[in-house]
Amino acid sequence: MLEGELEAAICRAFPLLLPDLYQAGYRIVSSQAVLLGRRLDLLLQTADERTCIIELKAGAPPMPDVRDQILDYADCWRTSYPKQTDLRLMVVSTVIPEKTASELGNFGVESRAISVAEVLDALERSQTDGRVPTGLKSMPNDLAKVRHLLSDYDAIKVPKGLVLAPPWSHEKVFLALVKRGERHKDLWKKNVYVQLCPQNPLCAVLYGPKVEVTKGMVHFNSRPSSWNEAFFQQVKPCLKYVRSDNKGPGKERSNFDWYSVGDWDSFATSLGL
């Protein structure tokens, strides 16, 4: 079954193929909805503005590409509609391997497998004509549009032909952390960085290879509650201390220690890449 056929089938027999969403009040607003240059396969909403974005795939979804794809849609939606906090993400395909479902679930993405037999049965029982608006242009506020236009999406895009594997480099490690799902700085802001591990508040980051920091591209701050001493000791042998921030009186808790990387292969290993 082709992806377009699955999309058309869900549009025609939505209550039968995704009954849990239908019963929860979701309705298909548009197929191929346009949001900040992206095309969302299916955009669903409820009367009280809860939203669900569905990415469709024919066969087993390619990982981690489909995960990164739908998480990018989520970032675009939250940037465009920051007040609409109730967002569900879902990948639907004819086959969802258990490992894929588990990995998607780790990132808060739901998954559904719909077989060809289930599609056939639903179409035979469906009493709707399946007419759904196509290509609806989602209109975020002007500030979101400005930030989108200012964002450097190339900063987190893996160049064609670049393999995220040894021998490691600054660029490869940075992109591998992004691909793994570590949070990065908003792309419309200057000096993009990616977190070295899950953390809130910020305490351990790697700046991007295009940032004009000749030395000390790895920054640590041991003061926040999110500090992980065991993690720091794990990566420390790969690093060389450069200097520390001095942001002045009253801002001591915001000072970071700067480190350079002595061996990118060892550093990548210590990060679990």
Protein backbone atom coordinates (compact mmCIF):
# COMPACT_ATOMS: atom_id res chain seq x y z
CA MET A 1 0.00 0.00 0.00
CA LEU A 2 1.30 3.44 -0.93
CA GLU A 3 1.47 6.30 1.54
CA GLY A 4 -1.08 8.28 -0.50
CA GLU A 5 -3.49 5.35 -0.42
CA LEU A 6 -3.23 5.10 3.36
CA GLU A 7 -3.84 8.85 3.64
CA ALA A 8 -6.94 8.67 1.42
CA ALA A 9 -8.26 5.65 3.32
CA ILE A 10 -7.93 7.39 6.71
CA CYS A 11 -9.66 10.48 5.33
CA ARG A 12 -12.56 8.34 4.10
CA ALA A 13 -12.86 5.99 7.08
CA PHE A 14 -11.28 7.94 9.93
CA PRO A 15 -13.78 6.84 12.65
CA LEU A 16 -13.11 3.19 11.81
CA LEU A 17 -9.33 3.27 11.29
CA LEU A 18 -8.43 5.56 14.21
CA PRO A 19 -11.42 5.14 16.53
CA ASP A 20 -9.61 6.28 19.70
CA LEU A 21 -8.85 9.68 18.15
CA TYR A 22 -12.36 10.00 16.78
CA GLN A 23 -13.93 9.16 20.13
CA ALA A 24 -11.60 11.68 21.83
CA GLY A 25 -13.16 14.39 19.66
CA TYR A 26 -10.46 14.80 17.00
CA ARG A 27 -11.48 15.58 13.44
CA ILE A 28 -9.31 15.87 10.32
CA VAL A 29 -8.80 19.56 9.59
CA SER A 30 -6.62 19.04 6.53
CA SER A 31 -4.40 16.62 4.71
CA GLN A 32 -1.01 18.00 3.58
CA ALA A 33 -1.44 21.08 5.78
CA VAL A 34 1.35 23.62 5.28
CA LEU A 35 3.20 24.91 8.34
CA LEU A 36 6.37 27.02 8.07
CA GLY A 37 7.27 25.34 4.79
CA ARG A 38 6.54 21.82 6.06
CA ARG A 39 3.71 19.59 4.83
CA LEU A 40 1.89 17.71 7.56
CA ASP A 41 0.30 14.51 6.27
CA LEU A 42 -2.75 14.86 8.52
CA LEU A 43 -3.67 17.72 10.86
CA LEU A 44 -6.39 16.93 13.40
CA GLN A 45 -8.03 19.17 15.99
CA THR A 46 -10.82 19.07 18.54
CA ALA A 47 -13.47 21.70 19.20
CA ASP A 48 -11.40 22.98 22.15
CA GLU A 49 -8.27 23.34 19.94
CA ARG A 50 -6.37 20.24 21.00
CA THR A 51 -4.15 19.26 18.08
CA CYS A 52 -2.76 16.00 16.69
CA ILE A 53 -0.18 15.80 13.90
CA ILE A 54 0.03 12.48 12.05
CA GLU A 55 2.94 11.39 9.86
CA LEU A 56 2.12 8.54 7.47
CA LYS A 57 4.59 5.98 6.16
CA ALA A 58 4.28 3.04 3.78
CA GLY A 59 5.82 0.00 5.46
CA ALA A 60 8.15 0.11 8.47
CA PRO A 61 8.99 3.78 9.20
CA PRO A 62 12.68 4.59 8.67
CA MET A 63 14.35 5.45 11.95
CA PRO A 64 15.54 7.86 13.20
CA ASP A 65 14.44 9.92 10.19
CA VAL A 66 10.71 9.71 10.86
CA ARG A 67 11.26 10.53 14.54
CA ASP A 68 13.28 13.63 13.68
CA GLN A 69 10.72 14.60 11.05
CA ILE A 70 7.71 14.60 13.34
CA LEU A 71 9.64 16.23 16.21
CA ASP A 72 10.56 19.01 13.78
CA TYR A 73 6.84 19.42 12.99
CA ALA A 74 6.19 19.67 16.72
CA ASP A 75 8.83 22.38 17.15
CA CYS A 76 7.30 24.34 14.27
CA TRP A 77 3.82 24.02 15.74
CA ARG A 78 4.88 25.10 19.23
CA THR A 79 6.80 28.04 17.80
CA SER A 80 3.79 29.07 15.75
CA TYR A 81 1.15 28.46 18.42
CA PRO A 82 2.84 28.71 21.85
CA LYS A 83 -0.51 29.02 23.65
CA GLN A 84 -1.80 25.73 22.24
CA THR A 85 0.05 23.42 24.61
CA ASP A 86 -1.98 20.23 24.06
CA LEU A 87 -0.23 18.59 21.11
CA ARG A 88 -0.25 14.88 20.21
CA LEU A 89 2.21 13.38 17.75
CA MET A 90 1.58 10.13 15.93
CA VAL A 91 3.18 7.96 13.26
CA VAL A 92 0.83 5.69 11.35
CA SER A 93 1.94 2.94 8.99
CA THR A 94 0.96 -0.52 7.82
CA VAL A 95 3.85 -1.93 9.89
CA ILE A 96 5.25 -0.61 13.18
CA PRO A 97 8.11 -2.77 14.51
CA GLU A 98 8.19 -3.08 18.30
CA LYS A 99 11.60 -1.39 18.48
CA THR A 100 10.32 1.55 16.42
CA ALA A 101 7.24 1.94 18.61
CA SER A 102 9.42 1.90 21.72
CA GLU A 103 11.86 4.51 20.39
CA LEU A 104 9.06 6.80 19.23
CA GLY A 105 7.38 6.41 22.61
CA ASN A 106 10.57 7.52 24.35
CA PHE A 107 10.16 10.87 22.58
CA GLY A 108 6.46 11.19 23.31
CA VAL A 109 5.37 10.09 19.84
CA GLU A 110 2.49 7.63 19.55
CA SER A 111 2.33 5.01 16.81
CA ARG A 112 -0.38 2.97 15.13
CA ALA A 113 -0.17 0.04 12.72
CA ILE A 114 -3.05 -0.30 10.24
CA SER A 115 -2.93 -3.39 8.02
CA VAL A 116 -4.16 -3.59 4.43
CA ALA A 117 -6.90 -5.95 5.60
CA GLU A 118 -8.08 -3.38 8.17
CA VAL A 119 -8.11 -0.68 5.51
CA LEU A 120 -10.17 -2.85 3.17
CA ASP A 121 -12.67 -3.71 5.91
CA ALA A 122 -13.03 -0.07 6.93
CA LEU A 123 -13.55 1.13 3.37
CA GLU A 124 -16.21 -1.49 2.77
CA ARG A 125 -18.07 -0.40 5.92
CA SER A 126 -17.51 3.34 5.66
CA GLN A 127 -20.49 5.54 4.83
CA THR A 128 -18.62 8.82 4.29
CA ASP A 129 -17.25 10.27 1.06
CA GLY A 130 -13.85 11.08 2.60
CA ARG A 131 -13.78 14.69 1.47
CA VAL A 132 -11.12 16.46 3.53
CA PRO A 133 -9.58 19.89 2.84
CA THR A 134 -6.10 19.61 1.36
CA GLY A 135 -3.16 21.97 1.71
CA LEU A 136 -4.58 24.18 4.43
CA LYS A 137 -2.06 26.90 5.22
CA SER A 138 -1.61 27.21 8.96
CA MET A 139 -1.09 30.87 9.78
CA PRO A 140 1.15 31.47 12.81
CA ASN A 141 1.61 34.92 14.25
CA ASP A 142 3.98 37.43 12.66
CA LEU A 143 6.68 36.91 15.29
CA ALA A 144 6.76 33.19 14.56
CA LYS A 145 7.13 33.94 10.84
CA VAL A 146 10.00 36.33 11.53
CA ARG A 147 11.78 33.76 13.69
CA HIS A 148 11.28 31.09 11.04
CA LEU A 149 12.81 33.30 8.37
CA LEU A 150 15.75 34.14 10.64
CA SER A 151 16.41 30.51 11.62
CA ASP A 152 19.52 28.79 10.30
CA TYR A 153 18.15 25.29 9.66
CA ASP A 154 21.39 24.32 7.92
CA ALA A 155 23.07 24.44 11.33
CA ILE A 156 21.42 21.15 12.32
CA LYS A 157 21.13 19.53 8.88
CA VAL A 158 23.40 16.58 8.13
CA PRO A 159 25.16 17.32 4.81
CA LYS A 160 24.61 14.78 2.07
CA GLY A 161 27.24 12.07 2.24
CA LEU A 162 28.33 12.85 5.80
CA VAL A 163 28.25 9.70 7.94
CA LEU A 164 27.86 10.24 11.68
CA ALA A 165 30.47 7.67 12.64
CA PRO A 166 34.22 7.51 13.35
CA PRO A 167 36.48 9.28 12.68
CA TRP A 168 34.62 11.90 14.71
CA SER A 169 34.93 15.66 14.33
CA HIS A 170 33.37 18.74 15.90
CA GLU A 171 30.69 18.83 13.20
CA LYS A 172 29.91 15.12 13.42
CA VAL A 173 29.59 15.08 17.22
CA PHE A 174 27.38 18.18 17.20
CA LEU A 175 25.04 16.77 14.54
CA ALA A 176 24.98 13.32 16.16
CA LEU A 177 23.80 14.85 19.44
CA VAL A 178 21.06 16.72 17.58
CA LYS A 179 20.03 13.54 15.76
CA ARG A 180 19.95 11.67 19.07
CA GLY A 181 17.33 14.11 20.26
CA GLU A 182 19.33 16.35 22.58
CA ARG A 183 17.79 19.81 22.68
CA HIS A 184 19.51 22.63 20.80
CA LYS A 185 19.28 26.39 21.03
CA ASP A 186 16.53 28.10 19.03
CA LEU A 187 17.85 28.42 15.49
CA TRP A 188 16.82 32.05 15.13
CA LYS A 189 19.22 32.98 17.93
CA LYS A 190 22.97 33.48 17.54
CA ASN A 191 25.62 30.95 18.53
CA VAL A 192 23.68 27.69 18.37
CA TYR A 193 24.56 24.94 20.83
CA VAL A 194 23.29 21.46 21.68
CA GLN A 195 22.99 19.97 25.13
CA LEU A 196 25.40 17.13 25.90
CA CYS A 197 22.75 15.26 27.88
CA PRO A 198 19.19 15.88 29.12
CA GLN A 199 19.22 18.86 31.51
CA ASN A 200 17.07 21.68 32.82
CA PRO A 201 18.32 24.23 33.65
CA LEU A 202 21.25 24.46 31.27
CA CYS A 203 24.59 23.17 32.55
CA ALA A 204 26.50 21.27 29.79
CA VAL A 205 26.58 22.23 26.10
CA LEU A 206 28.58 21.92 22.90
CA TYR A 207 28.59 24.93 20.58
CA GLY A 208 28.15 24.38 16.86
CA PRO A 209 31.12 24.20 14.48
CA LYS A 210 30.08 27.46 12.78
CA VAL A 211 30.10 29.44 16.03
CA GLU A 212 33.10 31.75 16.22
CA VAL A 213 34.65 30.21 19.32
CA THR A 214 38.24 29.29 18.46
CA LYS A 215 38.76 27.64 21.84
CA GLY A 216 36.46 26.35 24.52
CA MET A 217 33.52 25.04 22.51
CA VAL A 218 32.34 22.84 25.40
CA HIS A 219 30.81 24.72 28.34
CA PHE A 220 29.95 23.41 31.83
CA ASN A 221 28.28 25.03 34.83
CA SER A 222 28.25 22.93 38.01
CA ARG A 223 25.91 25.23 39.93
CA PRO A 224 22.43 24.36 38.53
CA SER A 225 20.37 21.59 40.12
CA SER A 226 20.58 19.61 36.87
CA TRP A 227 24.36 19.17 37.22
CA ASN A 228 25.49 15.55 36.82
CA GLU A 229 28.92 15.07 38.38
CA ALA A 230 29.22 11.45 37.22
CA PHE A 231 28.58 12.52 33.62
CA PHE A 232 31.17 15.29 33.88
CA GLN A 233 33.82 12.89 35.24
CA GLN A 234 33.00 10.56 32.34
CA VAL A 235 33.78 13.15 29.66
CA LYS A 236 36.42 15.20 31.50
CA PRO A 237 39.46 13.08 30.39
CA CYS A 238 38.73 14.10 26.78
CA LEU A 239 38.73 17.81 27.57
CA LYS A 240 41.22 20.57 28.35
CA TYR A 241 40.28 23.51 30.54
CA VAL A 242 40.53 26.89 28.77
CA ARG A 243 38.97 29.57 30.97
CA SER A 244 35.89 30.56 32.97
CA ASP A 245 33.24 33.23 32.52
CA ASN A 246 33.28 36.33 34.69
CA LYS A 247 29.87 37.92 34.30
CA GLY A 248 30.27 40.17 37.31
CA PRO A 249 28.85 40.48 40.84
CA GLY A 250 25.48 38.84 41.37
CA LYS A 251 25.81 36.70 38.24
CA GLU A 252 28.22 34.09 39.57
CA ARG A 253 25.69 31.26 39.10
CA SER A 254 25.59 32.00 35.38
CA ASN A 255 29.33 31.58 34.85
CA PHE A 256 30.40 28.64 32.69
CA ASP A 257 33.78 26.90 32.50
CA TRP A 258 35.11 26.57 28.95
CA TYR A 259 36.88 23.45 27.65
CA SER A 260 38.43 22.42 24.35
CA VAL A 261 38.27 18.86 23.02
CA GLY A 262 41.55 16.95 22.89
CA ASP A 263 40.31 13.88 21.03
CA TRP A 264 36.95 13.89 19.23
CA ASP A 265 36.84 10.08 18.94
CA SER A 266 37.23 9.65 22.69
CA PHE A 267 34.79 12.46 23.36
CA ALA A 268 32.15 10.84 21.13
CA THR A 269 32.64 7.52 22.91
CA SER A 270 32.25 9.16 26.32
CA LEU A 271 28.95 10.67 25.09
CA GLY A 272 27.69 7.29 23.97
CA LEU A 273 27.69 8.13 20.26
